[in-house]
Amino acid sequence: MSTTTTTTGPHILAYSYPASSHIIPLLDLTRQLLTRGLTVTVLVTPNSLTLLQPLLSIHLSSLHPLVLPAAQPQPSWNSRIEKDRAIRDLHYPLLINWFHSHPSPPVAIVSDFFLGWTHHLAKELGIPRVVFSPSGAFALSVLYSLWRDVPKIDDDINFPKIPHSPIFPWRQITAHYTNGKEGEPNWEFSRSCILDDIASWGLIFNSFAELERVYVDHLRTELGHDRVWAVGPLLPLEDDVAGFNNRGGSSSVPCDQVMTWLDARPDNSIVYVCFGSRTSLNTKQIEVLASALEISGVQFILCVRNGSDEGRVDVDRGEIPDGFEDRVEGKGFVIKGWAPQVAILKHRAVGAFLTHCGWNSVLEGVTAGKVMLTWPMGSDQYTNAKLLVDQLGVGIRVAEDTENIPESIEMARLLVESVSVTRPERVRVKELSGAALGAIKGGSSDKDLDGFVKLLPRELNL
């Protein structure tokens, strides 16, 4: 374990959930805190330490890694919750010992919303715990309401206390809720983590007021305090070439090769297709998608997972049909593994983004000003898709998980329409793009983050 002393502002511990989609935005937040004079210790496990290296090379005196062992997978684990409980059981006593033995321990904890148990850790240490949500305010509002109010099984679940009274079919509710029941250890652990989030001192989330103002206000009302800060979109610096090109992993294709291919294409002509770092399409999904791409005739970049990310094993992992790459040569660019997504989305040739609606992808697409084609697969992605299509008017609904997949001809039509210059979604997303950039360049998100940094020492009487 490493030790550190406070060299500038207050010293805090940043603790991410061990998944790239959670680690990356928390590291972007850490960079923002470091530039505002705080000292930060970042808790990492050995396999995520490399993600911290770019920041370490810049902030040698004020950024410090705390390397704790990862929870070892067990044959008895049937869901993510067993892993989460194992993380708590392993890290809680190690963190208590580290805090008590440290000459100048952190005065606050900023931890991922999946790590609700750190609320009790903070209480035992007598310091505030701030929840960090890599998801947006709408999704978090739904999650908080779900576990606090505990609706019963029904065809549709209505959330009347949330603005716009959203309704979701039962199958779109998180499996951690629907697959268990009250009294079961895993179900109760999931609920306790969310209730501990609600009880924590403050909340920071990766969004911006102009995108989700009504839900930011809702969360402040529901939590009963104003210690709610929207600080997104959390993105790498514009001059951070490595951050844009290898965000979360090394690309299987050199970024300059992708950029050269895009440079030869007209403005807004490319559909970028990517389903994030964890989602693998099954056989039916990828066959329909590949056929639609061929039928449509649109130019595209298709990113497909190579099947090894984060140790996940899928029962039905679809493969690109034989001969597909040859048939689309010149029109399509296929990337297997990680893609330089931020750089791709920023390119003038990309006009639309077919996405699983993971929140990082949503923010990257909106900030880049791209029309969003939605194909949510699980988790908060259904909420995010509803926000994009029904409320913000920047998305086109294409499909949902494995239940609602259109015929290839219909999907092809949507692909063609998505790059049309006359789509109203294009106008609206360009407006939101300007708002996103304004928020982090002296606007609402910068002001919220400044407010958090200024409040922290007053709260701690420093």
Protein backbone atom coordinates (compact mmCIF):
# COMPACT_ATOMS: atom_id res chain seq x y z
CA MET A 1 0.00 0.00 0.00
CA SER A 2 1.18 3.52 -0.73
CA THR A 3 1.34 6.45 1.65
CA THR A 4 0.88 10.12 0.90
CA THR A 5 0.80 13.49 2.58
CA THR A 6 -1.36 16.46 1.77
CA THR A 7 0.66 18.76 -0.45
CA THR A 8 -1.97 21.19 -1.70
CA GLY A 9 -5.69 21.21 -0.91
CA PRO A 10 -7.79 18.73 1.06
CA HIS A 11 -6.88 15.09 0.61
CA ILE A 12 -9.66 12.80 -0.63
CA LEU A 13 -9.92 9.12 -1.53
CA ALA A 14 -11.42 8.32 -4.95
CA TYR A 15 -12.73 4.76 -5.14
CA SER A 16 -14.18 3.42 -8.39
CA TYR A 17 -16.11 0.28 -9.07
CA PRO A 18 -13.68 -2.07 -10.91
CA ALA A 19 -15.09 -1.80 -14.44
CA SER A 20 -13.69 0.37 -17.21
CA SER A 21 -16.97 2.21 -17.79
CA HIS A 22 -16.85 3.30 -14.13
CA ILE A 23 -13.10 3.82 -13.74
CA ILE A 24 -12.64 6.08 -16.76
CA PRO A 25 -15.12 8.83 -15.78
CA LEU A 26 -13.91 8.78 -12.17
CA LEU A 27 -10.35 9.31 -13.40
CA ASP A 28 -11.61 12.21 -15.53
CA LEU A 29 -13.20 13.64 -12.37
CA THR A 30 -9.94 13.06 -10.49
CA ARG A 31 -8.08 15.11 -13.10
CA GLN A 32 -10.54 17.96 -12.57
CA LEU A 33 -10.06 17.80 -8.79
CA LEU A 34 -6.27 17.78 -9.12
CA THR A 35 -6.31 20.87 -11.31
CA ARG A 36 -8.34 22.59 -8.58
CA GLY A 37 -5.65 21.97 -5.97
CA LEU A 38 -6.86 18.84 -4.18
CA THR A 39 -4.67 15.91 -3.25
CA VAL A 40 -6.22 12.62 -4.38
CA THR A 41 -5.48 9.02 -3.52
CA VAL A 42 -7.08 6.74 -6.11
CA LEU A 43 -7.91 3.18 -5.08
CA VAL A 44 -7.12 0.76 -7.89
CA THR A 45 -6.73 -2.97 -8.27
CA PRO A 46 -3.63 -4.32 -10.04
CA ASN A 47 -5.33 -4.81 -13.40
CA SER A 48 -6.57 -1.20 -13.54
CA LEU A 49 -3.37 0.49 -12.41
CA THR A 50 -2.32 1.14 -16.02
CA LEU A 51 -5.37 3.39 -16.53
CA LEU A 52 -3.94 5.67 -13.84
CA GLN A 53 -0.49 6.06 -15.40
CA PRO A 54 -1.25 9.05 -17.69
CA LEU A 55 -2.49 11.07 -14.70
CA LEU A 56 0.40 9.96 -12.49
CA SER A 57 2.91 11.24 -15.02
CA ILE A 58 1.40 14.75 -14.78
CA HIS A 59 0.46 15.04 -11.09
CA LEU A 60 3.39 13.39 -9.32
CA SER A 61 3.07 15.28 -6.04
CA SER A 62 -0.72 15.32 -5.56
CA LEU A 63 -1.95 12.03 -7.07
CA HIS A 64 -1.24 8.72 -5.35
CA PRO A 65 -2.36 5.17 -6.11
CA LEU A 66 -3.63 2.90 -3.39
CA VAL A 67 -3.36 -0.61 -4.81
CA LEU A 68 -5.64 -3.15 -3.15
CA PRO A 69 -6.10 -6.76 -4.28
CA ALA A 70 -9.06 -7.64 -6.48
CA ALA A 71 -11.72 -10.02 -5.22
CA GLN A 72 -10.92 -13.44 -6.65
CA PRO A 73 -13.73 -15.04 -8.70
CA GLN A 74 -15.39 -18.02 -7.07
CA PRO A 75 -17.37 -20.86 -8.71
CA SER A 76 -20.26 -20.08 -6.37
CA TRP A 77 -20.75 -16.58 -7.80
CA ASN A 78 -23.98 -16.50 -9.81
CA SER A 79 -24.23 -12.73 -10.31
CA ARG A 80 -22.37 -9.46 -10.02
CA ILE A 81 -23.68 -9.06 -6.47
CA GLU A 82 -21.53 -11.90 -5.12
CA LYS A 83 -18.53 -10.07 -6.53
CA ASP A 84 -19.68 -6.81 -4.97
CA ARG A 85 -20.10 -8.43 -1.55
CA ALA A 86 -16.66 -9.99 -1.87
CA ILE A 87 -15.16 -6.57 -2.68
CA ARG A 88 -16.72 -5.12 0.46
CA ASP A 89 -15.56 -7.99 2.68
CA LEU A 90 -12.02 -7.74 1.29
CA HIS A 91 -11.53 -3.99 1.09
CA TYR A 92 -13.38 -2.73 4.18
CA PRO A 93 -10.85 -3.96 6.80
CA LEU A 94 -7.89 -3.08 4.56
CA LEU A 95 -9.16 0.48 4.19
CA ILE A 96 -9.78 0.87 7.93
CA ASN A 97 -6.21 -0.21 8.65
CA TRP A 98 -4.83 2.05 5.91
CA PHE A 99 -6.69 5.11 7.19
CA HIS A 100 -5.61 4.55 10.79
CA SER A 101 -1.96 4.00 9.86
CA HIS A 102 -1.74 6.92 7.41
CA PRO A 103 0.07 10.06 8.63
CA SER A 104 -2.37 12.33 6.77
CA PRO A 105 -5.40 10.29 5.69
CA PRO A 106 -8.12 11.53 3.34
CA VAL A 107 -10.72 13.82 4.83
CA ALA A 108 -13.49 12.60 2.49
CA ILE A 109 -14.34 9.63 0.29
CA VAL A 110 -15.69 9.93 -3.25
CA SER A 111 -16.88 6.46 -4.24
CA ASP A 112 -18.90 4.82 -6.99
CA PHE A 113 -22.64 4.38 -6.51
CA PHE A 114 -22.21 0.59 -6.62
CA LEU A 115 -20.09 0.91 -3.47
CA GLY A 116 -22.86 2.07 -1.14
CA TRP A 117 -21.24 0.27 1.79
CA THR A 118 -18.50 2.92 1.83
CA HIS A 119 -21.09 5.16 3.51
CA HIS A 120 -20.62 3.04 6.64
CA LEU A 121 -16.86 3.10 6.20
CA ALA A 122 -16.97 6.90 6.09
CA LYS A 123 -19.22 7.04 9.16
CA GLU A 124 -16.82 4.81 11.09
CA LEU A 125 -13.96 7.12 10.10
CA GLY A 126 -15.97 10.26 10.86
CA ILE A 127 -15.65 11.76 7.35
CA PRO A 128 -18.17 12.59 4.60
CA ARG A 129 -18.83 10.19 1.75
CA VAL A 130 -19.71 11.61 -1.66
CA VAL A 131 -21.45 9.32 -4.15
CA PHE A 132 -20.04 9.36 -7.67
CA SER A 133 -22.49 8.27 -10.35
CA PRO A 134 -21.12 7.50 -13.81
CA SER A 135 -24.80 7.38 -14.86
CA GLY A 136 -27.05 10.34 -15.50
CA ALA A 137 -29.59 12.02 -13.23
CA PHE A 138 -32.63 10.43 -14.92
CA ALA A 139 -31.26 6.90 -14.58
CA LEU A 140 -30.22 7.56 -11.00
CA SER A 141 -33.68 8.92 -10.16
CA VAL A 142 -35.24 5.68 -11.44
CA LEU A 143 -32.74 3.54 -9.54
CA TYR A 144 -33.26 5.39 -6.27
CA SER A 145 -37.05 5.23 -6.58
CA LEU A 146 -36.99 1.54 -7.48
CA TRP A 147 -35.07 0.38 -4.42
CA ARG A 148 -36.55 2.88 -1.98
CA ASP A 149 -40.22 2.37 -2.88
CA VAL A 150 -39.98 -1.34 -3.90
CA PRO A 151 -42.76 -1.67 -6.52
CA LYS A 152 -44.26 -5.11 -6.92
CA ILE A 153 -44.22 -7.31 -10.00
CA ASP A 154 -46.43 -6.00 -12.78
CA ASP A 155 -46.40 -5.81 -16.56
CA ASP A 156 -45.32 -2.17 -16.37
CA ILE A 157 -43.63 -0.23 -13.59
CA ASN A 158 -44.68 3.39 -13.19
CA PHE A 159 -42.56 5.97 -11.38
CA PRO A 160 -45.08 8.74 -10.62
CA LYS A 161 -42.77 10.73 -8.33
CA ILE A 162 -40.21 11.25 -11.10
CA PRO A 163 -40.72 14.08 -13.64
CA HIS A 164 -42.68 12.94 -16.72
CA SER A 165 -43.87 9.85 -14.75
CA PRO A 166 -41.80 7.36 -16.78
CA ILE A 167 -43.10 3.83 -17.30
CA PHE A 168 -40.91 0.81 -18.04
CA PRO A 169 -41.94 -2.76 -18.84
CA TRP A 170 -40.93 -5.25 -16.17
CA ARG A 171 -38.28 -6.83 -18.42
CA GLN A 172 -36.42 -3.51 -18.58
CA ILE A 173 -36.03 -3.28 -14.81
CA THR A 174 -32.59 -4.26 -13.54
CA ALA A 175 -32.19 -8.00 -13.04
CA HIS A 176 -30.69 -7.41 -9.59
CA TYR A 177 -34.19 -6.30 -8.59
CA THR A 178 -36.40 -8.60 -10.65
CA ASN A 179 -34.45 -11.83 -10.15
CA GLY A 180 -34.54 -11.69 -6.38
CA LYS A 181 -36.93 -10.93 -3.59
CA GLU A 182 -36.98 -9.27 -0.22
CA GLY A 183 -35.09 -11.21 2.42
CA GLU A 184 -32.59 -12.82 0.06
CA PRO A 185 -28.98 -11.80 0.86
CA ASN A 186 -28.10 -10.55 -2.62
CA TRP A 187 -31.33 -8.60 -3.03
CA GLU A 188 -30.98 -7.02 0.41
CA PHE A 189 -27.34 -6.14 -0.28
CA SER A 190 -28.32 -4.38 -3.52
CA ARG A 191 -31.03 -2.42 -1.76
CA SER A 192 -28.81 -1.48 1.17
CA CYS A 193 -26.18 -0.09 -1.20
CA ILE A 194 -28.73 2.21 -2.86
CA LEU A 195 -30.24 3.30 0.45
CA ASP A 196 -26.72 4.05 1.69
CA ASP A 197 -26.16 6.16 -1.42
CA ILE A 198 -29.30 8.12 -0.63
CA ALA A 199 -28.10 8.62 2.97
CA SER A 200 -24.62 9.79 1.96
CA TRP A 201 -23.42 13.37 2.42
CA GLY A 202 -23.30 14.39 -1.24
CA LEU A 203 -23.70 13.31 -4.85
CA ILE A 204 -21.60 14.01 -7.94
CA PHE A 205 -22.72 12.70 -11.29
CA ASN A 206 -21.44 12.73 -14.83
CA SER A 207 -24.00 14.92 -16.58
CA PHE A 208 -24.76 18.59 -17.08
CA ALA A 209 -27.66 20.78 -16.11
CA GLU A 210 -28.71 21.72 -19.65
CA LEU A 211 -29.16 18.01 -20.47
CA GLU A 212 -31.06 16.87 -17.37
CA ARG A 213 -32.01 19.95 -15.38
CA VAL A 214 -35.42 18.62 -14.31
CA TYR A 215 -33.83 15.45 -12.90
CA VAL A 216 -31.02 17.34 -11.17
CA ASP A 217 -33.66 19.40 -9.40
CA HIS A 218 -35.64 16.25 -8.63
CA LEU A 219 -32.66 14.60 -6.97
CA ARG A 220 -32.03 17.65 -4.81
CA THR A 221 -35.65 17.57 -3.69
CA GLU A 222 -35.64 13.82 -3.04
CA LEU A 223 -32.36 13.88 -1.13
CA GLY A 224 -33.43 16.93 0.87
CA HIS A 225 -30.25 18.95 0.33
CA ASP A 226 -28.33 20.90 -2.32
CA ARG A 227 -25.13 18.86 -2.16
CA VAL A 228 -25.81 17.52 -5.65
CA TRP A 229 -23.33 18.46 -8.35
CA ALA A 230 -23.58 17.84 -12.11
CA VAL A 231 -20.00 18.04 -13.41
CA GLY A 232 -20.10 16.44 -16.86
CA PRO A 233 -19.51 15.62 -19.54
CA LEU A 234 -16.30 14.19 -18.08
CA LEU A 235 -13.99 13.81 -21.06
CA PRO A 236 -10.24 13.84 -21.72
CA LEU A 237 -8.58 17.16 -22.43
CA GLU A 238 -8.74 18.24 -26.07
CA ASP A 239 -4.93 18.24 -26.29
CA ASP A 240 -4.67 14.80 -24.66
CA VAL A 241 -4.07 12.74 -27.82
CA ALA A 242 -3.58 9.48 -25.92
CA GLY A 243 -6.75 10.08 -23.94
CA PHE A 244 -8.81 10.52 -27.09
CA ASN A 245 -7.25 7.66 -29.02
CA ASN A 246 -6.96 4.96 -26.36
CA ARG A 247 -9.74 5.74 -23.93
CA GLY A 248 -9.90 2.65 -21.75
CA GLY A 249 -7.73 0.37 -23.86
CA SER A 250 -5.44 0.13 -26.82
CA SER A 251 -7.24 0.09 -30.14
CA SER A 252 -6.92 -2.93 -32.38
CA VAL A 253 -6.42 -0.49 -35.27
CA PRO A 254 -4.07 2.53 -35.16
CA CYS A 255 -6.08 5.69 -34.69
CA ASP A 256 -4.37 7.46 -37.58
CA GLN A 257 -5.49 4.66 -39.92
CA VAL A 258 -9.11 5.20 -38.88
CA MET A 259 -8.75 8.98 -39.22
CA THR A 260 -7.23 8.65 -42.69
CA TRP A 261 -10.20 6.53 -43.77
CA LEU A 262 -12.62 9.09 -42.36
CA ASP A 263 -10.78 12.01 -43.91
CA ALA A 264 -11.67 10.67 -47.37
CA ARG A 265 -15.42 10.68 -46.61
CA PRO A 266 -17.98 13.50 -46.93
CA ASP A 267 -19.32 15.35 -43.90
CA ASN A 268 -22.02 13.56 -41.88
CA SER A 269 -21.96 10.51 -44.16
CA ILE A 270 -20.72 7.81 -41.76
CA VAL A 271 -22.72 5.75 -39.28
CA TYR A 272 -20.52 4.69 -36.36
CA VAL A 273 -21.70 1.44 -34.77
CA CYS A 274 -20.44 0.42 -31.34
CA PHE A 275 -22.02 -1.31 -28.34
CA GLY A 276 -19.51 -0.48 -25.63
CA SER A 277 -16.82 -2.41 -23.82
CA ARG A 278 -18.97 -5.18 -22.33
CA THR A 279 -21.78 -5.94 -24.77
CA SER A 280 -21.51 -8.76 -27.28
CA LEU A 281 -24.21 -9.18 -29.90
CA ASN A 282 -25.75 -12.62 -30.21
CA THR A 283 -26.06 -14.44 -33.53
CA LYS A 284 -29.47 -13.01 -34.47
CA GLN A 285 -28.51 -9.45 -33.56
CA ILE A 286 -25.30 -9.38 -35.54
CA GLU A 287 -26.86 -11.10 -38.55
CA VAL A 288 -29.67 -8.52 -38.72
CA LEU A 289 -27.22 -5.65 -38.20
CA ALA A 290 -24.74 -6.88 -40.81
CA SER A 291 -27.53 -7.42 -43.34
CA ALA A 292 -28.97 -3.96 -42.66
CA LEU A 293 -25.58 -2.32 -43.15
CA GLU A 294 -25.19 -4.07 -46.50
CA ILE A 295 -28.72 -3.32 -47.70
CA SER A 296 -28.58 0.33 -46.67
CA GLY A 297 -25.50 1.16 -48.69
CA VAL A 298 -24.43 3.68 -46.02
CA GLN A 299 -20.77 4.05 -45.20
CA PHE A 300 -19.98 2.91 -41.68
CA ILE A 301 -17.48 2.02 -39.01
CA LEU A 302 -18.43 -1.15 -37.12
CA CYS A 303 -16.75 -1.90 -33.81
CA VAL A 304 -17.25 -5.42 -32.44
CA ARG A 305 -15.91 -6.85 -29.21
CA ASN A 306 -13.18 -9.44 -29.49
CA GLY A 307 -14.71 -11.57 -26.73
CA SER A 308 -12.05 -11.19 -24.09
CA ASP A 309 -12.86 -7.90 -22.37
CA GLU A 310 -13.18 -7.98 -18.58
CA GLY A 311 -13.33 -11.76 -18.34
CA ARG A 312 -16.90 -12.09 -19.50
CA VAL A 313 -18.16 -15.33 -21.08
CA ASP A 314 -21.26 -15.16 -23.25
CA VAL A 315 -23.45 -18.12 -24.12
CA ASP A 316 -24.28 -16.93 -27.65
CA ARG A 317 -21.60 -14.68 -29.07
CA GLY A 318 -22.40 -13.78 -32.65
CA GLU A 319 -19.71 -13.59 -35.29
CA ILE A 320 -19.50 -11.31 -38.32
CA PRO A 321 -20.91 -13.32 -41.26
CA ASP A 322 -18.40 -14.90 -43.61
CA GLY A 323 -17.52 -12.63 -46.51
CA PHE A 324 -19.11 -9.54 -44.92
CA GLU A 325 -15.90 -7.52 -44.78
CA ASP A 326 -15.11 -8.32 -48.41
CA ARG A 327 -18.60 -7.33 -49.56
CA VAL A 328 -18.50 -3.96 -47.81
CA GLU A 329 -14.90 -3.12 -48.68
CA GLY A 330 -14.60 0.59 -49.35
CA LYS A 331 -17.91 1.34 -47.63
CA GLY A 332 -17.30 -0.24 -44.25
CA PHE A 333 -14.42 -0.18 -41.76
CA VAL A 334 -14.49 -3.00 -39.18
CA ILE A 335 -12.66 -2.69 -35.85
CA LYS A 336 -12.34 -5.75 -33.63
CA GLY A 337 -11.74 -4.83 -30.00
CA TRP A 338 -11.33 -1.31 -28.64
CA ALA A 339 -11.96 1.64 -30.92
CA PRO A 340 -10.75 5.25 -30.53
CA GLN A 341 -14.37 6.24 -29.99
CA VAL A 342 -13.99 9.83 -28.83
CA ALA A 343 -11.76 10.64 -31.80
CA ILE A 344 -14.14 8.89 -34.23
CA LEU A 345 -17.20 10.72 -32.93
CA LYS A 346 -15.47 14.09 -33.14
CA HIS A 347 -14.69 13.61 -36.82
CA ARG A 348 -16.71 15.72 -39.27
CA ALA A 349 -17.48 12.67 -41.48
CA VAL A 350 -19.46 10.87 -38.76
CA GLY A 351 -23.13 11.79 -38.86
CA ALA A 352 -24.82 9.18 -36.68
CA PHE A 353 -24.00 6.82 -33.83
CA LEU A 354 -25.72 3.44 -33.40
CA THR A 355 -25.20 2.76 -29.70
CA HIS A 356 -26.25 0.54 -26.80
CA CYS A 357 -26.86 3.79 -24.88
CA GLY A 358 -24.31 3.28 -22.15
CA TRP A 359 -24.02 6.65 -20.44
CA ASN A 360 -20.39 7.27 -21.39
CA SER A 361 -21.31 6.68 -25.04
CA VAL A 362 -24.39 8.88 -24.73
CA LEU A 363 -22.34 11.80 -23.42
CA GLU A 364 -19.60 11.30 -25.99
CA GLY A 365 -22.17 11.19 -28.81
CA VAL A 366 -24.12 14.22 -27.59
CA THR A 367 -20.95 16.26 -27.01
CA ALA A 368 -19.79 15.43 -30.54
CA GLY A 369 -23.19 16.48 -31.91
CA LYS A 370 -24.14 13.16 -33.52
CA VAL A 371 -27.63 11.80 -34.12
CA MET A 372 -28.10 8.79 -31.85
CA LEU A 373 -29.58 5.50 -33.06
CA THR A 374 -30.63 3.65 -29.91
CA TRP A 375 -30.33 -0.08 -29.25
CA PRO A 376 -30.30 -0.51 -25.46
CA MET A 377 -29.35 -3.93 -24.06
CA GLY A 378 -29.79 -3.65 -20.29
CA SER A 379 -28.96 -1.78 -17.10
CA ASP A 380 -29.57 2.01 -17.32
CA GLN A 381 -29.52 1.88 -21.12
CA TYR A 382 -33.32 1.73 -21.43
CA THR A 383 -33.60 4.89 -19.34
CA ASN A 384 -30.92 6.61 -21.40
CA ALA A 385 -32.64 5.64 -24.67
CA LYS A 386 -35.95 7.01 -23.43
CA LEU A 387 -34.21 10.26 -22.52
CA LEU A 388 -32.58 10.57 -25.95
CA VAL A 389 -35.64 9.71 -28.03
CA ASP A 390 -38.70 10.77 -26.07
CA GLN A 391 -37.46 13.75 -24.07
CA LEU A 392 -34.44 15.31 -25.76
CA GLY A 393 -35.40 14.53 -29.36
CA VAL A 394 -31.86 13.66 -30.44
CA GLY A 395 -32.31 9.90 -30.88
CA ILE A 396 -33.98 7.48 -33.28
CA ARG A 397 -35.28 4.26 -31.75
CA VAL A 398 -33.89 1.26 -33.69
CA ALA A 399 -34.13 -1.83 -31.48
CA GLU A 400 -34.20 -3.09 -27.89
CA ASP A 401 -32.08 -5.94 -26.54
CA THR A 402 -33.09 -9.27 -28.10
CA GLU A 403 -36.85 -8.72 -27.80
CA ASN A 404 -37.56 -5.95 -30.31
CA ILE A 405 -35.35 -6.22 -33.38
CA PRO A 406 -36.73 -4.96 -36.69
CA GLU A 407 -36.26 -6.71 -40.02
CA SER A 408 -33.03 -5.87 -41.80
CA ILE A 409 -34.87 -3.79 -44.42
CA GLU A 410 -36.44 -1.59 -41.75
CA MET A 411 -33.15 -1.19 -39.91
CA ALA A 412 -31.47 -0.28 -43.20
CA ARG A 413 -34.07 2.45 -43.74
CA LEU A 414 -33.32 3.93 -40.32
CA LEU A 415 -29.59 3.86 -41.01
CA VAL A 416 -30.10 5.81 -44.23
CA GLU A 417 -32.39 8.34 -42.56
CA SER A 418 -29.95 8.90 -39.69
CA VAL A 419 -27.40 10.59 -41.95
CA SER A 420 -29.97 12.77 -43.71
CA VAL A 421 -29.28 16.46 -43.29
CA THR A 422 -33.01 17.10 -42.85
CA ARG A 423 -33.48 15.01 -39.71
CA PRO A 424 -34.74 17.28 -36.89
CA GLU A 425 -32.63 15.31 -34.41
CA ARG A 426 -29.49 16.73 -36.05
CA VAL A 427 -30.48 20.32 -35.26
CA ARG A 428 -31.31 19.52 -31.65
CA VAL A 429 -28.17 17.50 -30.97
CA LYS A 430 -26.01 20.30 -32.36
CA GLU A 431 -27.65 22.60 -29.81
CA LEU A 432 -26.95 20.14 -27.01
CA SER A 433 -23.38 19.75 -28.20
CA GLY A 434 -22.86 23.46 -27.75
CA ALA A 435 -24.46 23.31 -24.31
CA ALA A 436 -22.23 20.38 -23.29
CA LEU A 437 -19.05 22.18 -24.31
CA GLY A 438 -20.26 25.37 -22.67
CA ALA A 439 -20.96 23.53 -19.40
CA ILE A 440 -17.35 22.40 -19.05
CA LYS A 441 -15.81 25.63 -20.34
CA GLY A 442 -16.82 28.00 -17.59
CA GLY A 443 -20.50 27.01 -17.52
CA SER A 444 -22.76 25.06 -15.17
CA SER A 445 -20.54 21.99 -14.71
CA ASP A 446 -17.42 24.02 -14.01
CA LYS A 447 -19.36 26.10 -11.50
CA ASP A 448 -20.79 23.00 -9.80
CA LEU A 449 -17.33 21.45 -9.47
CA ASP A 450 -15.90 24.71 -8.12
CA GLY A 451 -18.77 24.80 -5.64
CA PHE A 452 -17.98 21.29 -4.42
CA VAL A 453 -14.28 22.06 -4.01
CA LYS A 454 -15.06 25.26 -2.07
CA LEU A 455 -17.68 23.63 0.16
CA LEU A 456 -15.54 20.67 1.18
CA PRO A 457 -13.05 22.50 3.42
CA ARG A 458 -15.86 24.54 4.99
CA GLU A 459 -17.71 21.33 5.80
CA LEU A 460 -14.55 19.91 7.35
CA ASN A 461 -13.62 23.15 9.14
CA LEU A 462 -10.25 23.17 7.37
